[in-house]
C-alpha atoms as a PDB file:
ATOM      1  CA  MET A   1     104.366 118.114 109.905  1.00  0.00           C
ATOM      2  CA  GLY A   2     104.275 119.993 106.658  1.00  0.00           C
ATOM      3  CA  GLU A   3     104.021 123.545 107.956  1.00  0.00           C
ATOM      4  CA  LYS A   4     105.981 126.499 106.604  1.00  0.00           C
ATOM      5  CA  TYR A   5     105.390 128.767 109.585  1.00  0.00           C
ATOM      6  CA  TYR A   6     107.015 128.943 113.005  1.00  0.00           C
ATOM      7  CA  PHE A   7     104.556 127.839 115.667  1.00  0.00           C
ATOM      8  CA  GLN A   8     106.879 127.374 118.644  1.00  0.00           C
ATOM      9  CA  PRO A   9     110.607 127.843 119.175  1.00  0.00           C
ATOM     10  CA  LEU A  10     112.561 124.759 118.146  1.00  0.00           C
ATOM     11  CA  THR A  11     114.386 122.827 120.835  1.00  0.00           C
ATOM     12  CA  GLY A  12     117.759 121.180 120.326  1.00  0.00           C
ATOM     13  CA  TRP A  13     115.930 117.832 120.152  1.00  0.00           C
ATOM     14  CA  ASP A  14     113.604 119.152 117.436  1.00  0.00           C
ATOM     15  CA  LYS A  15     116.585 120.179 115.327  1.00  0.00           C
ATOM     16  CA  ALA A  16     118.467 116.935 115.967  1.00  0.00           C
ATOM     17  CA  THR A  17     115.502 114.761 114.967  1.00  0.00           C
ATOM     18  CA  VAL A  18     114.981 116.684 111.726  1.00  0.00           C
ATOM     19  CA  VAL A  19     118.685 116.362 110.885  1.00  0.00           C
ATOM     20  CA  LEU A  20     118.572 112.602 111.576  1.00  0.00           C
ATOM     21  CA  TYR A  21     115.367 112.202 109.544  1.00  0.00           C
ATOM     22  CA  ARG A  22     116.866 114.037 106.582  1.00  0.00           C
ATOM     23  CA  ALA A  23     120.188 112.210 106.973  1.00  0.00           C
ATOM     24  CA  GLY A  24     118.236 108.992 106.506  1.00  0.00           C
ATOM     25  CA  ILE A  25     116.764 110.319 103.261  1.00  0.00           C
ATOM     26  CA  VAL A  26     120.166 111.495 102.001  1.00  0.00           C
ATOM     27  CA  LEU A  27     121.883 108.202 102.847  1.00  0.00           C
ATOM     28  CA  SER A  28     119.082 106.168 101.254  1.00  0.00           C
ATOM     29  CA  ALA A  29     119.419 108.162  98.035  1.00  0.00           C
ATOM     30  CA  MET A  30     123.198 107.704  98.068  1.00  0.00           C
ATOM     31  CA  ILE A  31     123.029 103.960  98.719  1.00  0.00           C
ATOM     32  CA  ILE A  32     120.414 103.330  96.030  1.00  0.00           C
ATOM     33  CA  SER A  33     122.466 105.436  93.608  1.00  0.00           C
ATOM     34  CA  ILE A  34     125.578 103.392  94.402  1.00  0.00           C
ATOM     35  CA  ALA A  35     123.590 100.183  93.901  1.00  0.00           C
ATOM     36  CA  ALA A  36     122.304 101.453  90.541  1.00  0.00           C
ATOM     37  CA  TYR A  37     125.862 102.320  89.470  1.00  0.00           C
ATOM     38  CA  ILE A  38     127.156  98.896  90.553  1.00  0.00           C
ATOM     39  CA  ILE A  39     124.402  97.061  88.677  1.00  0.00           C
ATOM     40  CA  LEU A  40     124.776  99.205  85.561  1.00  0.00           C
ATOM     41  CA  TYR A  41     128.557  98.771  85.442  1.00  0.00           C
ATOM     42  CA  ARG A  42     128.735  95.319  87.070  1.00  0.00           C
ATOM     43  CA  HIS A  43     131.158  94.045  84.419  1.00  0.00           C
ATOM     44  CA  ASN A  44     133.743  96.670  85.370  1.00  0.00           C
ATOM     45  CA  ILE A  45     133.315  96.517  89.144  1.00  0.00           C
ATOM     46  CA  LYS A  46     134.495  93.752  91.439  1.00  0.00           C
ATOM     47  CA  LEU A  47     132.383  93.756  94.575  1.00  0.00           C
ATOM     48  CA  THR A  48     132.329  90.960  97.123  1.00  0.00           C
ATOM     49  CA  GLY A  49     129.216  89.529  98.728  1.00  0.00           C
ATOM     50  CA  LEU A  50     130.356  91.215 101.936  1.00  0.00           C
ATOM     51  CA  GLY A  51     130.359  94.587 100.160  1.00  0.00           C
ATOM     52  CA  ILE A  52     126.833  94.066  98.843  1.00  0.00           C
ATOM     53  CA  ASN A  53     125.637  92.843 102.250  1.00  0.00           C
ATOM     54  CA  THR A  54     127.119  95.975 103.843  1.00  0.00           C
ATOM     55  CA  LEU A  55     125.313  98.153 101.291  1.00  0.00           C
ATOM     56  CA  ILE A  56     121.992  96.407 101.994  1.00  0.00           C
ATOM     57  CA  ILE A  57     122.383  96.717 105.766  1.00  0.00           C
ATOM     58  CA  ALA A  58     123.357 100.382 105.377  1.00  0.00           C
ATOM     59  CA  LEU A  59     120.137 100.935 103.411  1.00  0.00           C
ATOM     60  CA  TYR A  60     118.121  99.389 106.229  1.00  0.00           C
ATOM     61  CA  VAL A  61     119.836 101.652 108.761  1.00  0.00           C
ATOM     62  CA  SER A  62     119.305 104.784 106.644  1.00  0.00           C
ATOM     63  CA  VAL A  63     115.616 104.049 106.090  1.00  0.00           C
ATOM     64  CA  GLY A  64     115.325 103.298 109.814  1.00  0.00           C
ATOM     65  CA  LEU A  65     116.643 106.776 110.622  1.00  0.00           C
ATOM     66  CA  SER A  66     113.858 108.329 108.574  1.00  0.00           C
ATOM     67  CA  VAL A  67     111.222 105.990 110.004  1.00  0.00           C
ATOM     68  CA  PHE A  68     112.064 106.616 113.663  1.00  0.00           C
ATOM     69  CA  PHE A  69     112.628 110.371 113.365  1.00  0.00           C
ATOM     70  CA  ILE A  70     109.794 111.288 110.994  1.00  0.00           C
ATOM     71  CA  HIS A  71     107.424 113.976 112.310  1.00  0.00           C
ATOM     72  CA  LEU A  72     103.771 113.052 111.882  1.00  0.00           C
ATOM     73  CA  TYR A  73     100.785 114.721 113.481  1.00  0.00           C
ATOM     74  CA  ILE A  74      98.830 111.454 113.620  1.00  0.00           C
ATOM     75  CA  ASN A  75     100.585 109.016 115.928  1.00  0.00           C
ATOM     76  CA  LYS A  76      98.827 105.922 114.533  1.00  0.00           C
ATOM     77  CA  PHE A  77     100.489 106.577 111.152  1.00  0.00           C
ATOM     78  CA  LYS A  78     103.903 106.609 112.794  1.00  0.00           C
ATOM     79  CA  LYS A  79     103.113 103.426 114.716  1.00  0.00           C
ATOM     80  CA  ALA A  80     102.002 101.745 111.481  1.00  0.00           C
ATOM     81  CA  LEU A  81     105.197 102.878 109.753  1.00  0.00           C
ATOM     82  CA  ILE A  82     107.345 101.517 112.590  1.00  0.00           C
ATOM     83  CA  LYS A  83     105.467  98.185 112.411  1.00  0.00           C
ATOM     84  CA  LEU A  84     106.148  98.027 108.668  1.00  0.00           C
ATOM     85  CA  TYR A  85     109.829  98.719 109.346  1.00  0.00           C
ATOM     86  CA  LEU A  86     109.919  95.929 111.944  1.00  0.00           C
ATOM     87  CA  ILE A  87     108.419  93.608 109.312  1.00  0.00           C
ATOM     88  CA  SER A  88     111.199  94.674 106.949  1.00  0.00           C
ATOM     89  CA  ILE A  89     113.755  93.815 109.658  1.00  0.00           C
ATOM     90  CA  ALA A  90     112.159  90.370 110.001  1.00  0.00           C
ATOM     91  CA  CYS A  91     112.464  89.989 106.215  1.00  0.00           C
ATOM     92  CA  ILE A  92     116.187  90.764 106.188  1.00  0.00           C
ATOM     93  CA  ILE A  93     116.705  88.312 109.043  1.00  0.00           C
ATOM     94  CA  ILE A  94     114.944  85.680 106.909  1.00  0.00           C
ATOM     95  CA  LEU A  95     117.243  86.523 103.982  1.00  0.00           C
ATOM     96  CA  PHE A  96     120.246  86.321 106.311  1.00  0.00           C
ATOM     97  CA  VAL A  97     119.186  82.903 107.643  1.00  0.00           C
ATOM     98  CA  ILE A  98     118.335  81.453 104.206  1.00  0.00           C
ATOM     99  CA  GLY A  99     121.620  82.703 102.794  1.00  0.00           C
ATOM    100  CA  LYS A 100     123.600  81.589 105.865  1.00  0.00           C
ATOM    101  CA  GLY A 101     124.927  85.117 106.244  1.00  0.00           C
ATOM    102  CA  ASP A 102     125.071  85.920 102.533  1.00  0.00           C
ATOM    103  CA  ILE A 103     122.083  88.187 101.820  1.00  0.00           C
ATOM    104  CA  SER A 104     123.320  89.115  98.348  1.00  0.00           C
ATOM    105  CA  GLY A 105     123.668  85.466  97.332  1.00  0.00           C
ATOM    106  CA  VAL A 106     120.042  84.764  98.220  1.00  0.00           C
ATOM    107  CA  LEU A 107     118.821  87.860  96.380  1.00  0.00           C
ATOM    108  CA  ILE A 108     120.666  86.717  93.257  1.00  0.00           C
ATOM    109  CA  SER A 109     119.939  82.982  93.404  1.00  0.00           C
ATOM    110  CA  LYS A 110     116.326  82.840  94.628  1.00  0.00           C
ATOM    111  CA  SER A 111     113.852  84.593  92.344  1.00  0.00           C
ATOM    112  CA  TYR A 112     111.285  85.134  95.118  1.00  0.00           C
ATOM    113  CA  SER A 113     113.754  86.649  97.590  1.00  0.00           C
ATOM    114  CA  PRO A 114     113.601  90.288  96.366  1.00  0.00           C
ATOM    115  CA  LEU A 115     109.926  90.240  97.410  1.00  0.00           C
ATOM    116  CA  LEU A 116     111.230  90.396 100.988  1.00  0.00           C
ATOM    117  CA  LEU A 117     112.554  93.894 100.198  1.00  0.00           C
ATOM    118  CA  ILE A 118     109.042  95.234  99.520  1.00  0.00           C
ATOM    119  CA  PRO A 119     108.361  96.202 103.180  1.00  0.00           C
ATOM    120  CA  LEU A 120     111.549  98.288 103.216  1.00  0.00           C
ATOM    121  CA  SER A 121     110.590  99.970  99.940  1.00  0.00           C
ATOM    122  CA  GLY A 122     107.172 100.581 101.510  1.00  0.00           C
ATOM    123  CA  CYS A 123     108.830 102.429 104.406  1.00  0.00           C
ATOM    124  CA  LEU A 124     110.902 104.615 102.082  1.00  0.00           C
ATOM    125  CA  GLY A 125     107.854 105.100  99.874  1.00  0.00           C
ATOM    126  CA  PHE A 126     105.834 106.262 102.895  1.00  0.00           C
ATOM    127  CA  VAL A 127     108.505 108.868 103.628  1.00  0.00           C
ATOM    128  CA  THR A 128     108.529 110.145 100.042  1.00  0.00           C
ATOM    129  CA  ALA A 129     104.711 110.157  99.865  1.00  0.00           C
ATOM    130  CA  LYS A 130     104.508 112.071 103.160  1.00  0.00           C
ATOM    131  CA  GLU A 131     106.820 114.722 101.746  1.00  0.00           C
ATOM    132  CA  ALA A 132     104.801 114.818  98.524  1.00  0.00           C
ATOM    133  CA  PHE A 133     101.632 115.349 100.530  1.00  0.00           C
ATOM    134  CA  CYS A 134     103.099 118.000 102.813  1.00  0.00           C
ATOM    135  CA  PHE A 135     105.323 119.944 100.427  1.00  0.00           C
ATOM    136  CA  LYS A 136     104.106 119.033  96.939  1.00  0.00           C
ATOM    137  CA  LEU A 137     107.243 117.072  96.061  1.00  0.00           C
ATOM    138  CA  MET A 138     105.247 115.125  93.496  1.00  0.00           C
ATOM    139  CA  GLU A 139     108.090 112.766  92.614  1.00  0.00           C
ATOM    140  CA  GLY A 140     107.558 111.409  96.132  1.00  0.00           C
ATOM    141  CA  TYR A 141     104.211 109.896  95.095  1.00  0.00           C
ATOM    142  CA  LEU A 142     105.819 108.336  92.025  1.00  0.00           C
ATOM    143  CA  LEU A 143     108.624 106.851  94.099  1.00  0.00           C
ATOM    144  CA  ALA A 144     106.129 105.410  96.588  1.00  0.00           C
ATOM    145  CA  LEU A 145     104.397 103.589  93.714  1.00  0.00           C
ATOM    146  CA  ILE A 146     107.383 102.695  91.537  1.00  0.00           C
ATOM    147  CA  MET A 147     109.753 101.223  94.159  1.00  0.00           C
ATOM    148  CA  PRO A 148     107.552  98.309  95.349  1.00  0.00           C
ATOM    149  CA  LEU A 149     106.279  97.734  91.790  1.00  0.00           C
ATOM    150  CA  TYR A 150     109.858  97.575  90.503  1.00  0.00           C
ATOM    151  CA  ILE A 151     110.787  94.952  93.115  1.00  0.00           C
ATOM    152  CA  PHE A 152     107.663  92.919  92.360  1.00  0.00           C
ATOM    153  CA  LEU A 153     108.215  92.952  88.591  1.00  0.00           C
ATOM    154  CA  PHE A 154     111.881  92.091  89.055  1.00  0.00           C
ATOM    155  CA  SER A 155     110.974  89.173  91.339  1.00  0.00           C
ATOM    156  CA  ILE A 156     108.529  87.597  88.902  1.00  0.00           C
ATOM    157  CA  GLY A 157     111.048  87.840  86.065  1.00  0.00           C
ATOM    158  CA  VAL A 158     109.194  90.341  83.883  1.00  0.00           C
ATOM    159  CA  MET A 159     112.264  92.557  83.448  1.00  0.00           C
ATOM    160  CA  THR A 160     115.463  91.665  81.655  1.00  0.00           C
ATOM    161  CA  SER A 161     118.676  92.486  83.505  1.00  0.00           C
ATOM    162  CA  SER A 162     119.153  95.506  81.242  1.00  0.00           C
ATOM    163  CA  ILE A 163     115.675  96.879  81.968  1.00  0.00           C
ATOM    164  CA  ALA A 164     116.182  96.188  85.684  1.00  0.00           C
ATOM    165  CA  SER A 165     119.466  98.141  85.614  1.00  0.00           C
ATOM    166  CA  TYR A 166     117.929 101.168  83.956  1.00  0.00           C
ATOM    167  CA  GLY A 167     114.844 100.909  86.171  1.00  0.00           C
ATOM    168  CA  LEU A 168     116.970 101.140  89.298  1.00  0.00           C
ATOM    169  CA  LEU A 169     118.902 104.027  87.732  1.00  0.00           C
ATOM    170  CA  LEU A 170     115.587 105.845  87.146  1.00  0.00           C
ATOM    171  CA  ILE A 171     114.552 105.272  90.771  1.00  0.00           C
ATOM    172  CA  ALA A 172     117.953 106.493  91.991  1.00  0.00           C
ATOM    173  CA  GLY A 173     117.711 109.621  89.822  1.00  0.00           C
ATOM    174  CA  MET A 174     114.224 110.428  91.094  1.00  0.00           C
ATOM    175  CA  LEU A 175     115.325 109.835  94.672  1.00  0.00           C
ATOM    176  CA  VAL A 176     118.326 112.138  94.288  1.00  0.00           C
ATOM    177  CA  PHE A 177     116.073 114.839  92.781  1.00  0.00           C
ATOM    178  CA  PHE A 178     113.589 114.367  95.639  1.00  0.00           C
ATOM    179  CA  THR A 179     116.407 114.526  98.210  1.00  0.00           C
ATOM    180  CA  LEU A 180     117.917 117.704  96.794  1.00  0.00           C
ATOM    181  CA  ARG A 181     114.526 119.412  96.968  1.00  0.00           C
ATOM    182  CA  LYS A 182     113.909 118.192 100.529  1.00  0.00           C
ATOM    183  CA  VAL A 183     117.220 118.957 102.237  1.00  0.00           C
ATOM    184  CA  ILE A 184     117.204 122.649 101.313  1.00  0.00           C
ATOM    185  CA  MET A 185     113.982 123.261 103.252  1.00  0.00           C
ATOM    186  CA  PRO A 186     114.271 125.129 106.573  1.00  0.00           C
ATOM    187  CA  ILE A 187     114.314 122.775 109.564  1.00  0.00           C
ATOM    188  CA  HIS A 188     111.123 124.180 111.103  1.00  0.00           C
ATOM    189  CA  TYR A 189     109.114 122.981 108.080  1.00  0.00           C
ATOM    190  CA  ASP A 190     109.345 119.413 109.378  1.00  0.00           C
ATOM    191  CA  ILE A 191     108.183 120.253 112.911  1.00  0.00           C
ATOM    192  CA  GLY A 192     105.090 122.368 112.293  1.00  0.00           C
ATOM    193  CA  ASP A 193     102.646 122.886 115.138  1.00  0.00           C
ATOM    194  CA  LYS A 194     103.734 120.658 117.997  1.00  0.00           C
ATOM    195  CA  SER A 195     100.411 121.139 119.767  1.00  0.00           C
ATOM    196  CA  ALA A 196      98.762 119.201 116.924  1.00  0.00           C
ATOM    197  CA  TYR A 197     100.702 115.980 117.588  1.00  0.00           C
ATOM    198  CA  THR A 198      98.495 113.193 118.914  1.00  0.00           C
END
């Protein structure tokens, strides 16, 4: 985790897990960017509830890729991250049940419901903060703080719809910048010294 030197030869599994981890980051950035575009230009775009539900589920899957394939030296951190992701899965199931299959409808109609997205933003924030810590991608720390705060402020009605739109656009832009800086790193950076894994 976070090493720029080769310690051991990389196996095919090492390479595959790094690719899956980074694919999760890339897909998350793309999905959040699409969501920001949809919200910003909502008057010109016709999107069904099914389309929004698909986007939300795709975000859960993409974050899950990063959560399950992240490389961390300290196993208890990974276990804690997986537990947080499982909590986020429970939250989307709650949204699904409350909305009778329409997650987007609940998120729009119930002011408290976006709070159930905070665990997922916590998972993505953990990933960005880990990268900030390991590789000095400082926007990762900002994302880890801003994403849950944005959801909280949106849920309690502090932001107007215009501010919320531009806030999500800012998050998407930072995430794209973060992603572009991450994906160009050599694969072995994410593996580090395998003998240090506990």
